[in-house]
Amino acid sequence: MEWHDYLLVCINMIAVIYMANTISPNWIAMSFTFNLVMLIMLLTVVMLYIVQARRERSLQGAAGNSITILSIVCTIYLIAILSIIFNLNSGHVLLLDVIAVLGGAFLPFFIRGHFDKSIISFPLLAERFELLTIITFGEAIVGLTHFFDVANFTLIPILVFFIVLTMFGSYVIQIHNLMEHMRVERSLRLMFSHYFIVISINLVNCRIGANA
């Protein structure tokens, strides 16, 4: 990595820290900061991919494909920022943010670049998604602690715990025993399936929190 790569990474990290310290339940109060920081973070990533594309001397590879996708998402966040500046309905801004998040997640399925798939390390990518999923399962278990009431104990918390435990066991069996890790592919199925896995676990966690 060269000095400008480190500079872009530092800007990205500063933006993440700033967002973490400005998150608020009041969406209207934090919407401008959220969209601005998201735009800054994504632009730094775009710049990193531009640097990589210049090294490859081509926009036809993975870097060029990522630049296309991120440029679309950045445009949506820019529109959201302009909507806030011109005092448009906050509901429209929230809708734009949802579209931006979904676009960033699912546009790779529709905008597919033509590049050497061997540059993608499937075992490493699977390990990263496993870590995210395990953290989400951990949050669900922590949420369960508030669901158990010794003074008013019922079978419902045990059933909920069994559901979470079954989900975790099924996940481990599929990831470690049934899936072939040493493969060469773009890993879109791995990514998209984990989106829904994390959403499912969070839905169970939200339900636990609502009943705690």
N, C-alpha and C. Protein backbone atom coordinates (compact mmCIF):
# COMPACT_ATOMS: atom_id res chain seq x y z
N MET A 1 0.84 -1.20 0.00
CA MET A 1 0.00 0.00 0.00
C MET A 1 0.87 1.25 0.00
N GLU A 2 0.46 2.25 -0.78
CA GLU A 2 1.18 3.51 -0.83
C GLU A 2 0.53 4.50 0.14
N TRP A 3 1.14 5.69 0.23
CA TRP A 3 0.70 6.66 1.24
C TRP A 3 -0.75 7.09 1.02
N HIS A 4 -1.15 7.24 -0.25
CA HIS A 4 -2.53 7.68 -0.50
C HIS A 4 -3.55 6.59 -0.13
N ASP A 5 -3.13 5.32 -0.22
CA ASP A 5 -4.01 4.25 0.21
C ASP A 5 -4.26 4.33 1.72
N TYR A 6 -3.19 4.54 2.47
CA TYR A 6 -3.31 4.69 3.93
C TYR A 6 -4.16 5.90 4.29
N LEU A 7 -3.98 7.00 3.53
CA LEU A 7 -4.75 8.22 3.79
C LEU A 7 -6.24 7.96 3.60
N LEU A 8 -6.61 7.28 2.53
CA LEU A 8 -8.02 6.98 2.27
C LEU A 8 -8.60 6.05 3.33
N VAL A 9 -7.80 5.08 3.76
CA VAL A 9 -8.26 4.17 4.81
C VAL A 9 -8.47 4.93 6.12
N CYS A 10 -7.57 5.86 6.44
CA CYS A 10 -7.69 6.66 7.66
C CYS A 10 -8.95 7.53 7.62
N ILE A 11 -9.22 8.14 6.47
CA ILE A 11 -10.43 8.96 6.32
C ILE A 11 -11.67 8.10 6.53
N ASN A 12 -11.64 6.90 5.97
CA ASN A 12 -12.77 5.98 6.12
C ASN A 12 -12.99 5.62 7.58
N MET A 13 -11.90 5.34 8.30
CA MET A 13 -12.01 4.96 9.72
C MET A 13 -12.51 6.12 10.57
N ILE A 14 -12.03 7.32 10.28
CA ILE A 14 -12.49 8.51 11.01
C ILE A 14 -13.98 8.71 10.79
N ALA A 15 -14.43 8.51 9.55
CA ALA A 15 -15.87 8.65 9.25
C ALA A 15 -16.70 7.62 10.02
N VAL A 16 -16.18 6.40 10.11
CA VAL A 16 -16.90 5.35 10.85
C VAL A 16 -17.01 5.72 12.32
N ILE A 17 -15.91 6.20 12.91
CA ILE A 17 -15.92 6.59 14.33
C ILE A 17 -16.88 7.75 14.56
N TYR A 18 -16.86 8.71 13.64
CA TYR A 18 -17.75 9.87 13.78
C TYR A 18 -19.21 9.43 13.71
N MET A 19 -19.54 8.53 12.77
CA MET A 19 -20.92 8.05 12.67
C MET A 19 -21.33 7.31 13.94
N ALA A 20 -20.43 6.47 14.47
CA ALA A 20 -20.76 5.70 15.67
C ALA A 20 -21.08 6.60 16.85
N ASN A 21 -20.49 7.79 16.88
CA ASN A 21 -20.72 8.71 17.99
C ASN A 21 -21.85 9.70 17.74
N THR A 22 -22.47 9.61 16.57
CA THR A 22 -23.57 10.53 16.26
C THR A 22 -24.89 9.79 16.01
N ILE A 23 -24.87 8.46 16.15
CA ILE A 23 -26.11 7.69 15.96
C ILE A 23 -27.11 8.05 17.04
N SER A 24 -28.35 8.27 16.63
CA SER A 24 -29.40 8.69 17.56
C SER A 24 -30.72 8.04 17.18
N PRO A 25 -31.58 7.78 18.16
CA PRO A 25 -32.92 7.25 17.83
C PRO A 25 -33.75 8.23 17.02
N ASN A 26 -33.38 9.51 17.09
CA ASN A 26 -34.09 10.55 16.34
C ASN A 26 -33.56 10.59 14.92
N TRP A 27 -34.30 9.95 14.00
CA TRP A 27 -33.82 9.84 12.62
C TRP A 27 -33.68 11.20 11.95
N ILE A 28 -34.62 12.09 12.21
CA ILE A 28 -34.57 13.41 11.57
C ILE A 28 -33.30 14.17 11.97
N ALA A 29 -32.91 14.00 13.23
CA ALA A 29 -31.72 14.71 13.73
C ALA A 29 -30.43 14.15 13.15
N MET A 30 -30.41 12.85 12.87
CA MET A 30 -29.16 12.23 12.44
C MET A 30 -29.11 11.92 10.94
N SER A 31 -30.18 12.17 10.22
CA SER A 31 -30.24 11.75 8.82
C SER A 31 -29.18 12.43 7.97
N PHE A 32 -28.96 13.73 8.18
CA PHE A 32 -27.95 14.43 7.37
C PHE A 32 -26.56 13.88 7.65
N THR A 33 -26.23 13.72 8.92
CA THR A 33 -24.92 13.18 9.29
C THR A 33 -24.74 11.78 8.74
N PHE A 34 -25.78 10.94 8.87
CA PHE A 34 -25.69 9.57 8.38
C PHE A 34 -25.40 9.54 6.88
N ASN A 35 -26.16 10.29 6.11
CA ASN A 35 -25.98 10.27 4.65
C ASN A 35 -24.65 10.86 4.23
N LEU A 36 -24.23 11.93 4.91
CA LEU A 36 -22.95 12.54 4.57
C LEU A 36 -21.79 11.60 4.86
N VAL A 37 -21.82 10.96 6.03
CA VAL A 37 -20.74 10.04 6.40
C VAL A 37 -20.74 8.82 5.49
N MET A 38 -21.91 8.30 5.17
CA MET A 38 -21.98 7.16 4.26
C MET A 38 -21.40 7.53 2.90
N LEU A 39 -21.69 8.72 2.42
CA LEU A 39 -21.16 9.17 1.14
C LEU A 39 -19.64 9.28 1.20
N ILE A 40 -19.11 9.85 2.29
CA ILE A 40 -17.66 9.98 2.44
C ILE A 40 -16.99 8.61 2.48
N MET A 41 -17.55 7.69 3.26
CA MET A 41 -16.96 6.36 3.37
C MET A 41 -16.94 5.64 2.03
N LEU A 42 -18.07 5.71 1.30
CA LEU A 42 -18.13 5.03 0.02
C LEU A 42 -17.23 5.68 -1.02
N LEU A 43 -17.10 6.99 -0.95
CA LEU A 43 -16.20 7.68 -1.90
C LEU A 43 -14.75 7.29 -1.67
N THR A 44 -14.37 7.10 -0.41
CA THR A 44 -12.99 6.65 -0.14
C THR A 44 -12.77 5.25 -0.71
N VAL A 45 -13.79 4.40 -0.61
CA VAL A 45 -13.67 3.05 -1.19
C VAL A 45 -13.59 3.14 -2.72
N VAL A 46 -14.39 4.03 -3.30
CA VAL A 46 -14.33 4.23 -4.75
C VAL A 46 -12.93 4.67 -5.17
N MET A 47 -12.33 5.59 -4.40
CA MET A 47 -10.99 6.06 -4.72
C MET A 47 -9.97 4.92 -4.63
N LEU A 48 -10.13 4.05 -3.65
CA LEU A 48 -9.22 2.91 -3.54
C LEU A 48 -9.35 1.99 -4.76
N TYR A 49 -10.57 1.79 -5.22
CA TYR A 49 -10.76 0.96 -6.41
C TYR A 49 -10.23 1.67 -7.66
N ILE A 50 -10.33 2.98 -7.70
CA ILE A 50 -9.77 3.73 -8.83
C ILE A 50 -8.26 3.56 -8.88
N VAL A 51 -7.63 3.63 -7.71
CA VAL A 51 -6.18 3.42 -7.63
C VAL A 51 -5.83 2.02 -8.15
N GLN A 52 -6.61 1.02 -7.74
CA GLN A 52 -6.37 -0.36 -8.19
C GLN A 52 -6.59 -0.49 -9.70
N ALA A 53 -7.64 0.19 -10.21
CA ALA A 53 -7.90 0.13 -11.65
C ALA A 53 -6.76 0.76 -12.44
N ARG A 54 -6.18 1.82 -11.89
CA ARG A 54 -5.04 2.45 -12.58
C ARG A 54 -3.84 1.51 -12.58
N ARG A 55 -3.66 0.78 -11.50
CA ARG A 55 -2.56 -0.19 -11.47
C ARG A 55 -2.77 -1.29 -12.50
N GLU A 56 -4.03 -1.71 -12.65
CA GLU A 56 -4.35 -2.75 -13.62
C GLU A 56 -4.45 -2.19 -15.05
N ARG A 57 -4.55 -0.84 -15.14
CA ARG A 57 -4.69 -0.16 -16.42
C ARG A 57 -5.92 -0.65 -17.18
N SER A 58 -6.98 -0.87 -16.41
CA SER A 58 -8.22 -1.35 -17.04
C SER A 58 -9.39 -1.16 -16.08
N LEU A 59 -10.55 -0.86 -16.66
CA LEU A 59 -11.79 -0.79 -15.87
C LEU A 59 -12.66 -2.01 -16.11
N GLN A 60 -12.11 -3.02 -16.75
CA GLN A 60 -12.88 -4.21 -17.09
C GLN A 60 -12.80 -5.28 -16.02
N GLY A 61 -11.95 -5.08 -15.02
CA GLY A 61 -11.77 -6.09 -13.99
C GLY A 61 -12.71 -5.90 -12.82
N ALA A 62 -12.35 -6.54 -11.70
CA ALA A 62 -13.18 -6.46 -10.50
C ALA A 62 -13.25 -5.05 -9.96
N ALA A 63 -12.14 -4.30 -10.06
CA ALA A 63 -12.12 -2.92 -9.56
C ALA A 63 -13.10 -2.05 -10.33
N GLY A 64 -13.11 -2.19 -11.65
CA GLY A 64 -14.03 -1.40 -12.47
C GLY A 64 -15.48 -1.75 -12.19
N ASN A 65 -15.77 -3.03 -11.97
CA ASN A 65 -17.12 -3.46 -11.63
C ASN A 65 -17.57 -2.86 -10.30
N SER A 66 -16.68 -2.84 -9.33
CA SER A 66 -17.00 -2.27 -8.02
C SER A 66 -17.20 -0.76 -8.11
N ILE A 67 -16.41 -0.10 -8.95
CA ILE A 67 -16.56 1.35 -9.14
C ILE A 67 -17.95 1.67 -9.69
N THR A 68 -18.41 0.89 -10.65
CA THR A 68 -19.74 1.11 -11.24
C THR A 68 -20.83 0.99 -10.20
N ILE A 69 -20.78 -0.09 -9.41
CA ILE A 69 -21.80 -0.33 -8.38
C ILE A 69 -21.79 0.75 -7.32
N LEU A 70 -20.59 1.07 -6.82
CA LEU A 70 -20.48 2.06 -5.74
C LEU A 70 -20.86 3.46 -6.23
N SER A 71 -20.61 3.75 -7.49
CA SER A 71 -20.97 5.07 -8.04
C SER A 71 -22.49 5.24 -8.02
N ILE A 72 -23.22 4.18 -8.32
CA ILE A 72 -24.68 4.24 -8.28
C ILE A 72 -25.16 4.49 -6.86
N VAL A 73 -24.58 3.75 -5.91
CA VAL A 73 -24.97 3.91 -4.50
C VAL A 73 -24.61 5.30 -4.00
N CYS A 74 -23.44 5.80 -4.36
CA CYS A 74 -23.03 7.16 -3.95
C CYS A 74 -23.98 8.21 -4.50
N THR A 75 -24.45 8.01 -5.71
CA THR A 75 -25.40 8.95 -6.32
C THR A 75 -26.69 8.99 -5.52
N ILE A 76 -27.15 7.83 -5.04
CA ILE A 76 -28.37 7.79 -4.25
C ILE A 76 -28.19 8.54 -2.94
N TYR A 77 -27.04 8.33 -2.28
CA TYR A 77 -26.78 9.06 -1.03
C TYR A 77 -26.65 10.56 -1.28
N LEU A 78 -26.09 10.95 -2.42
CA LEU A 78 -25.98 12.37 -2.75
C LEU A 78 -27.37 12.97 -2.95
N ILE A 79 -28.26 12.25 -3.62
CA ILE A 79 -29.64 12.71 -3.79
C ILE A 79 -30.32 12.86 -2.44
N ALA A 80 -30.05 11.92 -1.51
CA ALA A 80 -30.63 12.00 -0.17
C ALA A 80 -30.14 13.24 0.56
N ILE A 81 -28.86 13.56 0.42
CA ILE A 81 -28.30 14.75 1.07
C ILE A 81 -28.95 16.02 0.51
N LEU A 82 -29.10 16.07 -0.81
CA LEU A 82 -29.74 17.23 -1.43
C LEU A 82 -31.20 17.34 -1.00
N SER A 83 -31.86 16.20 -0.81
CA SER A 83 -33.25 16.21 -0.36
C SER A 83 -33.35 16.80 1.04
N ILE A 84 -32.37 16.50 1.90
CA ILE A 84 -32.36 17.05 3.25
C ILE A 84 -32.10 18.55 3.21
N ILE A 85 -31.16 18.96 2.37
CA ILE A 85 -30.82 20.39 2.26
C ILE A 85 -32.02 21.20 1.81
N PHE A 86 -32.81 20.64 0.88
CA PHE A 86 -33.97 21.34 0.34
C PHE A 86 -35.26 21.01 1.11
N ASN A 87 -35.09 20.43 2.31
CA ASN A 87 -36.20 20.20 3.25
C ASN A 87 -37.33 19.36 2.67
N LEU A 88 -36.96 18.31 1.97
CA LEU A 88 -37.99 17.39 1.48
C LEU A 88 -38.44 16.48 2.62
N ASN A 89 -39.51 15.76 2.40
CA ASN A 89 -40.07 14.88 3.42
C ASN A 89 -39.03 13.89 3.91
N SER A 90 -38.92 13.75 5.25
CA SER A 90 -37.92 12.83 5.83
C SER A 90 -38.20 11.39 5.43
N GLY A 91 -39.48 11.09 5.14
CA GLY A 91 -39.81 9.75 4.69
C GLY A 91 -39.18 9.42 3.35
N HIS A 92 -39.08 10.43 2.47
CA HIS A 92 -38.44 10.23 1.17
C HIS A 92 -36.95 9.96 1.35
N VAL A 93 -36.34 10.66 2.31
CA VAL A 93 -34.91 10.47 2.58
C VAL A 93 -34.66 9.06 3.10
N LEU A 94 -35.51 8.60 4.00
CA LEU A 94 -35.39 7.25 4.55
C LEU A 94 -35.55 6.21 3.44
N LEU A 95 -36.49 6.45 2.53
CA LEU A 95 -36.69 5.52 1.41
C LEU A 95 -35.45 5.46 0.53
N LEU A 96 -34.84 6.63 0.28
CA LEU A 96 -33.61 6.66 -0.51
C LEU A 96 -32.48 5.88 0.18
N ASP A 97 -32.40 6.01 1.50
CA ASP A 97 -31.37 5.28 2.24
C ASP A 97 -31.59 3.78 2.15
N VAL A 98 -32.85 3.36 2.25
CA VAL A 98 -33.16 1.93 2.13
C VAL A 98 -32.78 1.43 0.74
N ILE A 99 -33.09 2.23 -0.29
CA ILE A 99 -32.73 1.85 -1.66
C ILE A 99 -31.22 1.76 -1.81
N ALA A 100 -30.49 2.69 -1.17
CA ALA A 100 -29.03 2.68 -1.25
C ALA A 100 -28.46 1.42 -0.61
N VAL A 101 -28.99 1.06 0.56
CA VAL A 101 -28.49 -0.14 1.25
C VAL A 101 -28.79 -1.39 0.44
N LEU A 102 -30.02 -1.50 -0.05
CA LEU A 102 -30.40 -2.66 -0.85
C LEU A 102 -29.62 -2.70 -2.17
N GLY A 103 -29.38 -1.52 -2.73
CA GLY A 103 -28.61 -1.46 -3.96
C GLY A 103 -27.18 -1.94 -3.75
N GLY A 104 -26.56 -1.48 -2.67
CA GLY A 104 -25.21 -1.93 -2.38
C GLY A 104 -25.12 -3.42 -2.14
N ALA A 105 -26.20 -3.98 -1.58
CA ALA A 105 -26.20 -5.41 -1.27
C ALA A 105 -26.48 -6.27 -2.49
N PHE A 106 -27.41 -5.84 -3.35
CA PHE A 106 -27.90 -6.73 -4.40
C PHE A 106 -27.52 -6.32 -5.83
N LEU A 107 -26.97 -5.13 -6.02
CA LEU A 107 -26.55 -4.75 -7.37
C LEU A 107 -25.48 -5.68 -7.95
N PRO A 108 -24.57 -6.24 -7.12
CA PRO A 108 -23.58 -7.17 -7.70
C PRO A 108 -24.21 -8.37 -8.40
N PHE A 109 -25.45 -8.70 -8.04
CA PHE A 109 -26.12 -9.81 -8.69
C PHE A 109 -26.55 -9.43 -10.11
N PHE A 110 -26.84 -8.15 -10.33
CA PHE A 110 -27.33 -7.69 -11.64
C PHE A 110 -26.22 -7.09 -12.49
N ILE A 111 -25.25 -6.45 -11.85
CA ILE A 111 -24.13 -5.84 -12.58
C ILE A 111 -22.91 -6.74 -12.36
N ARG A 112 -22.68 -7.61 -13.29
CA ARG A 112 -21.61 -8.59 -13.14
C ARG A 112 -20.45 -8.24 -14.06
N GLY A 113 -19.29 -8.07 -13.48
CA GLY A 113 -18.11 -7.79 -14.27
C GLY A 113 -17.49 -9.07 -14.79
N HIS A 114 -16.67 -8.94 -15.79
CA HIS A 114 -15.97 -10.07 -16.37
C HIS A 114 -14.51 -10.01 -15.90
N PHE A 115 -14.22 -10.80 -14.88
CA PHE A 115 -12.86 -10.78 -14.33
C PHE A 115 -12.50 -12.17 -13.85
N ASP A 116 -11.24 -12.34 -13.56
CA ASP A 116 -10.72 -13.64 -13.13
C ASP A 116 -11.23 -13.95 -11.73
N LYS A 117 -12.05 -15.00 -11.61
CA LYS A 117 -12.63 -15.34 -10.33
C LYS A 117 -11.60 -15.87 -9.34
N SER A 118 -10.44 -16.23 -9.82
CA SER A 118 -9.42 -16.77 -8.93
C SER A 118 -8.88 -15.73 -7.96
N ILE A 119 -9.17 -14.45 -8.22
CA ILE A 119 -8.70 -13.40 -7.30
C ILE A 119 -9.53 -13.40 -6.01
N ILE A 120 -10.68 -14.09 -6.03
CA ILE A 120 -11.55 -14.18 -4.85
C ILE A 120 -11.17 -15.41 -4.04
N SER A 121 -10.82 -15.21 -2.79
CA SER A 121 -10.50 -16.32 -1.90
C SER A 121 -11.79 -16.78 -1.21
N PHE A 122 -12.36 -17.87 -1.69
CA PHE A 122 -13.62 -18.34 -1.13
C PHE A 122 -13.49 -18.71 0.35
N PRO A 123 -12.44 -19.44 0.76
CA PRO A 123 -12.32 -19.77 2.19
C PRO A 123 -12.24 -18.52 3.08
N LEU A 124 -11.50 -17.50 2.62
CA LEU A 124 -11.38 -16.28 3.41
C LEU A 124 -12.71 -15.54 3.48
N LEU A 125 -13.43 -15.49 2.36
CA LEU A 125 -14.72 -14.82 2.34
C LEU A 125 -15.72 -15.55 3.23
N ALA A 126 -15.71 -16.89 3.18
CA ALA A 126 -16.60 -17.66 4.03
C ALA A 126 -16.29 -17.43 5.50
N GLU A 127 -15.01 -17.33 5.81
CA GLU A 127 -14.61 -17.08 7.20
C GLU A 127 -15.13 -15.74 7.70
N ARG A 128 -15.09 -14.73 6.85
CA ARG A 128 -15.57 -13.39 7.24
C ARG A 128 -17.09 -13.42 7.48
N PHE A 129 -17.82 -14.08 6.62
CA PHE A 129 -19.27 -14.15 6.81
C PHE A 129 -19.63 -15.00 8.03
N GLU A 130 -18.84 -16.04 8.28
CA GLU A 130 -19.06 -16.85 9.48
C GLU A 130 -18.89 -16.00 10.73
N LEU A 131 -17.86 -15.15 10.74
CA LEU A 131 -17.62 -14.29 11.90
C LEU A 131 -18.79 -13.35 12.13
N LEU A 132 -19.29 -12.74 11.06
CA LEU A 132 -20.44 -11.85 11.18
C LEU A 132 -21.66 -12.59 11.72
N THR A 133 -21.88 -13.81 11.22
CA THR A 133 -23.04 -14.59 11.65
C THR A 133 -22.91 -15.02 13.11
N ILE A 134 -21.72 -15.43 13.51
CA ILE A 134 -21.50 -15.84 14.91
C ILE A 134 -21.72 -14.67 15.86
N ILE A 135 -21.25 -13.48 15.47
CA ILE A 135 -21.48 -12.29 16.29
C ILE A 135 -22.98 -12.03 16.43
N THR A 136 -23.73 -12.20 15.34
CA THR A 136 -25.17 -11.99 15.37
C THR A 136 -25.85 -13.01 16.28
N PHE A 137 -25.40 -14.26 16.21
CA PHE A 137 -25.94 -15.28 17.11
C PHE A 137 -25.62 -14.91 18.57
N GLY A 138 -24.42 -14.40 18.81
CA GLY A 138 -24.06 -13.98 20.17
C GLY A 138 -24.96 -12.89 20.70
N GLU A 139 -25.32 -11.93 19.83
CA GLU A 139 -26.24 -10.87 20.24
C GLU A 139 -27.61 -11.44 20.58
N ALA A 140 -28.03 -12.46 19.82
CA ALA A 140 -29.33 -13.10 20.10
C ALA A 140 -29.31 -13.79 21.46
N ILE A 141 -28.20 -14.44 21.78
CA ILE A 141 -28.09 -15.11 23.08
C ILE A 141 -28.10 -14.09 24.22
N VAL A 142 -27.40 -12.97 24.02
CA VAL A 142 -27.41 -11.91 25.03
C VAL A 142 -28.83 -11.37 25.21
N GLY A 143 -29.56 -11.24 24.11
CA GLY A 143 -30.95 -10.79 24.20
C GLY A 143 -31.83 -11.77 24.96
N LEU A 144 -31.47 -13.05 24.91
CA LEU A 144 -32.25 -14.06 25.62
C LEU A 144 -32.15 -13.90 27.14
N THR A 145 -31.04 -13.35 27.63
CA THR A 145 -30.87 -13.24 29.08
C THR A 145 -31.96 -12.38 29.71
N HIS A 146 -32.47 -11.39 28.97
CA HIS A 146 -33.52 -10.52 29.50
C HIS A 146 -34.90 -11.18 29.37
N PHE A 147 -34.94 -12.29 28.61
CA PHE A 147 -36.21 -12.96 28.36
C PHE A 147 -36.53 -13.97 29.46
N PHE A 148 -35.50 -14.40 30.18
CA PHE A 148 -35.69 -15.36 31.28
C PHE A 148 -36.03 -14.60 32.56
N ASP A 149 -37.14 -14.94 33.15
CA ASP A 149 -37.59 -14.32 34.40
C ASP A 149 -37.79 -15.41 35.44
N VAL A 150 -36.89 -15.46 36.41
CA VAL A 150 -36.96 -16.52 37.43
C VAL A 150 -38.24 -16.43 38.23
N ALA A 151 -38.72 -15.22 38.49
CA ALA A 151 -39.93 -15.04 39.29
C ALA A 151 -41.18 -15.47 38.54
N ASN A 152 -41.10 -15.41 37.20
CA ASN A 152 -42.27 -15.79 36.40
C ASN A 152 -41.80 -16.68 35.25
N PHE A 153 -41.31 -17.85 35.61
CA PHE A 153 -40.67 -18.73 34.63
C PHE A 153 -41.71 -19.50 33.82
N THR A 154 -41.51 -19.54 32.50
CA THR A 154 -42.39 -20.31 31.60
C THR A 154 -41.52 -21.09 30.62
N LEU A 155 -42.19 -21.90 29.80
CA LEU A 155 -41.47 -22.71 28.82
C LEU A 155 -41.12 -21.92 27.55
N ILE A 156 -41.71 -20.74 27.40
CA ILE A 156 -41.47 -19.96 26.18
C ILE A 156 -39.99 -19.59 26.00
N PRO A 157 -39.30 -19.10 27.06
CA PRO A 157 -37.87 -18.80 26.87
C PRO A 157 -37.05 -20.01 26.46
N ILE A 158 -37.40 -21.19 26.99
CA ILE A 158 -36.68 -22.41 26.62
C ILE A 158 -36.91 -22.75 25.16
N LEU A 159 -38.13 -22.58 24.70
CA LEU A 159 -38.44 -22.83 23.29
C LEU A 159 -37.71 -21.86 22.38
N VAL A 160 -37.66 -20.59 22.78
CA VAL A 160 -36.95 -19.58 21.98
C VAL A 160 -35.46 -19.92 21.93
N PHE A 161 -34.90 -20.30 23.08
CA PHE A 161 -33.48 -20.68 23.13
C PHE A 161 -33.24 -21.90 22.24
N PHE A 162 -34.16 -22.86 22.25
CA PHE A 162 -34.03 -24.05 21.40
C PHE A 162 -34.07 -23.66 19.92
N ILE A 163 -34.90 -22.70 19.56
CA ILE A 163 -34.97 -22.22 18.17
C ILE A 163 -33.63 -21.62 17.74
N VAL A 164 -33.08 -20.74 18.60
CA VAL A 164 -31.79 -20.11 18.29
C VAL A 164 -30.69 -21.17 18.20
N LEU A 165 -30.71 -22.12 19.13
CA LEU A 165 -29.71 -23.19 19.14
C LEU A 165 -29.82 -24.06 17.89
N THR A 166 -31.05 -24.34 17.46
CA THR A 166 -31.26 -25.13 16.25
C THR A 166 -30.77 -24.38 15.01
N MET A 167 -31.04 -23.07 14.96
CA MET A 167 -30.56 -22.25 13.85
C MET A 167 -29.03 -22.27 13.78
N PHE A 168 -28.40 -22.14 14.95
CA PHE A 168 -26.94 -22.14 14.98
C PHE A 168 -26.37 -23.49 14.56
N GLY A 169 -26.99 -24.57 15.07
CA GLY A 169 -26.52 -25.91 14.70
C GLY A 169 -26.67 -26.17 13.21
N SER A 170 -27.80 -25.77 12.65
CA SER A 170 -28.03 -25.95 11.21
C SER A 170 -27.01 -25.16 10.40
N TYR A 171 -26.71 -23.96 10.87
CA TYR A 171 -25.74 -23.12 10.16
C TYR A 171 -24.36 -23.76 10.17
N VAL A 172 -23.91 -24.24 11.33
CA VAL A 172 -22.59 -24.85 11.45
C VAL A 172 -22.48 -26.09 10.57
N ILE A 173 -23.52 -26.93 10.57
CA ILE A 173 -23.50 -28.15 9.76
C ILE A 173 -23.39 -27.82 8.28
N GLN A 174 -24.15 -26.84 7.82
CA GLN A 174 -24.13 -26.48 6.40
C GLN A 174 -22.82 -25.83 5.99
N ILE A 175 -22.29 -24.96 6.85
CA ILE A 175 -21.07 -24.23 6.50
C ILE A 175 -19.83 -25.11 6.58
N HIS A 176 -19.73 -25.92 7.63
CA HIS A 176 -18.49 -26.69 7.86
C HIS A 176 -18.52 -28.10 7.29
N ASN A 177 -19.70 -28.72 7.23
CA ASN A 177 -19.75 -30.12 6.81
C ASN A 177 -20.27 -30.33 5.40
N LEU A 178 -21.17 -29.49 4.96
CA LEU A 178 -21.81 -29.70 3.66
C LEU A 178 -21.25 -28.82 2.55
N MET A 179 -20.61 -27.73 2.88
CA MET A 179 -20.14 -26.79 1.86
C MET A 179 -18.67 -27.06 1.50
N GLU A 180 -18.38 -27.04 0.23
CA GLU A 180 -17.02 -27.21 -0.26
C GLU A 180 -16.31 -25.85 -0.23
N HIS A 181 -15.29 -25.73 0.61
CA HIS A 181 -14.61 -24.45 0.77
C HIS A 181 -13.58 -24.18 -0.33
N MET A 182 -12.93 -25.22 -0.80
CA MET A 182 -11.86 -25.02 -1.79
C MET A 182 -12.46 -24.98 -3.20
N ARG A 183 -13.10 -23.86 -3.50
CA ARG A 183 -13.72 -23.69 -4.81
C ARG A 183 -13.32 -22.33 -5.38
N VAL A 184 -13.53 -22.16 -6.66
CA VAL A 184 -13.22 -20.90 -7.33
C VAL A 184 -14.52 -20.39 -7.96
N GLU A 185 -15.09 -19.36 -7.38
CA GLU A 185 -16.31 -18.77 -7.90
C GLU A 185 -16.44 -17.35 -7.35
N ARG A 186 -17.44 -16.63 -7.84
CA ARG A 186 -17.63 -15.25 -7.42
C ARG A 186 -18.27 -15.15 -6.04
N SER A 187 -18.88 -16.21 -5.58
CA SER A 187 -19.42 -16.32 -4.22
C SER A 187 -20.67 -15.48 -3.98
N LEU A 188 -21.45 -15.24 -5.03
CA LEU A 188 -22.66 -14.45 -4.86
C LEU A 188 -23.69 -15.18 -3.99
N ARG A 189 -23.81 -16.49 -4.19
CA ARG A 189 -24.76 -17.25 -3.37
C ARG A 189 -24.38 -17.20 -1.90
N LEU A 190 -23.08 -17.28 -1.62
CA LEU A 190 -22.61 -17.20 -0.24
C LEU A 190 -22.99 -15.86 0.37
N MET A 191 -22.76 -14.78 -0.37
CA MET A 191 -23.04 -13.44 0.16
C MET A 191 -24.53 -13.22 0.37
N PHE A 192 -25.33 -13.51 -0.65
CA PHE A 192 -26.76 -13.23 -0.56
C PHE A 192 -27.45 -14.11 0.49
N SER A 193 -27.03 -15.37 0.60
CA SER A 193 -27.63 -16.24 1.61
C SER A 193 -27.32 -15.73 3.01
N HIS A 194 -26.12 -15.19 3.22
CA HIS A 194 -25.77 -14.68 4.54
C HIS A 194 -26.53 -13.39 4.87
N TYR A 195 -26.88 -12.61 3.87
CA TYR A 195 -27.72 -11.44 4.13
C TYR A 195 -29.02 -11.88 4.80
N PHE A 196 -29.65 -12.89 4.21
CA PHE A 196 -30.94 -13.36 4.74
C PHE A 196 -30.77 -14.09 6.07
N ILE A 197 -29.64 -14.78 6.24
CA ILE A 197 -29.38 -15.45 7.52
C ILE A 197 -29.28 -14.43 8.64
N VAL A 198 -28.50 -13.37 8.42
CA VAL A 198 -28.33 -12.34 9.45
C VAL A 198 -29.66 -11.63 9.73
N ILE A 199 -30.44 -11.35 8.66
CA ILE A 199 -31.74 -10.72 8.84
C ILE A 199 -32.65 -11.62 9.67
N SER A 200 -32.64 -12.92 9.41
CA SER A 200 -33.49 -13.86 10.14
C SER A 200 -33.13 -13.90 11.62
N ILE A 201 -31.83 -13.94 11.91
CA ILE A 201 -31.40 -13.97 13.31
C ILE A 201 -31.80 -12.67 14.01
N ASN A 202 -31.63 -11.55 13.31
CA ASN A 202 -31.99 -10.26 13.91
C ASN A 202 -33.49 -10.15 14.15
N LEU A 203 -34.29 -10.74 13.27
CA LEU A 203 -35.73 -10.73 13.47
C LEU A 203 -36.10 -11.50 14.74
N VAL A 204 -35.44 -12.65 14.96
CA VAL A 204 -35.66 -13.41 16.19
C VAL A 204 -35.22 -12.58 17.39
N ASN A 205 -34.08 -11.90 17.24
CA ASN A 205 -33.56 -11.07 18.35
C ASN A 205 -34.50 -9.91 18.66
N CYS A 206 -35.05 -9.29 17.61
CA CYS A 206 -36.00 -8.18 17.82
C CYS A 206 -37.25 -8.68 18.53
N ARG A 207 -37.69 -9.87 18.14
CA ARG A 207 -38.89 -10.44 18.77
C ARG A 207 -38.61 -10.73 20.24
N ILE A 208 -37.41 -11.21 20.53
CA ILE A 208 -37.02 -11.45 21.92
C ILE A 208 -37.03 -10.16 22.71
N GLY A 209 -36.45 -9.11 22.11
CA GLY A 209 -36.40 -7.82 22.79
C GLY A 209 -37.77 -7.23 23.02
N ALA A 210 -38.69 -7.45 22.09
CA ALA A 210 -40.04 -6.91 22.22
C ALA A 210 -40.81 -7.58 23.35
N ASN A 211 -40.45 -8.85 23.63
CA ASN A 211 -41.16 -9.58 24.67
C ASN A 211 -40.42 -9.60 26.00
N ALA A 212 -39.21 -9.00 26.04
CA ALA A 212 -38.42 -9.02 27.26
C ALA A 212 -39.06 -8.14 28.32
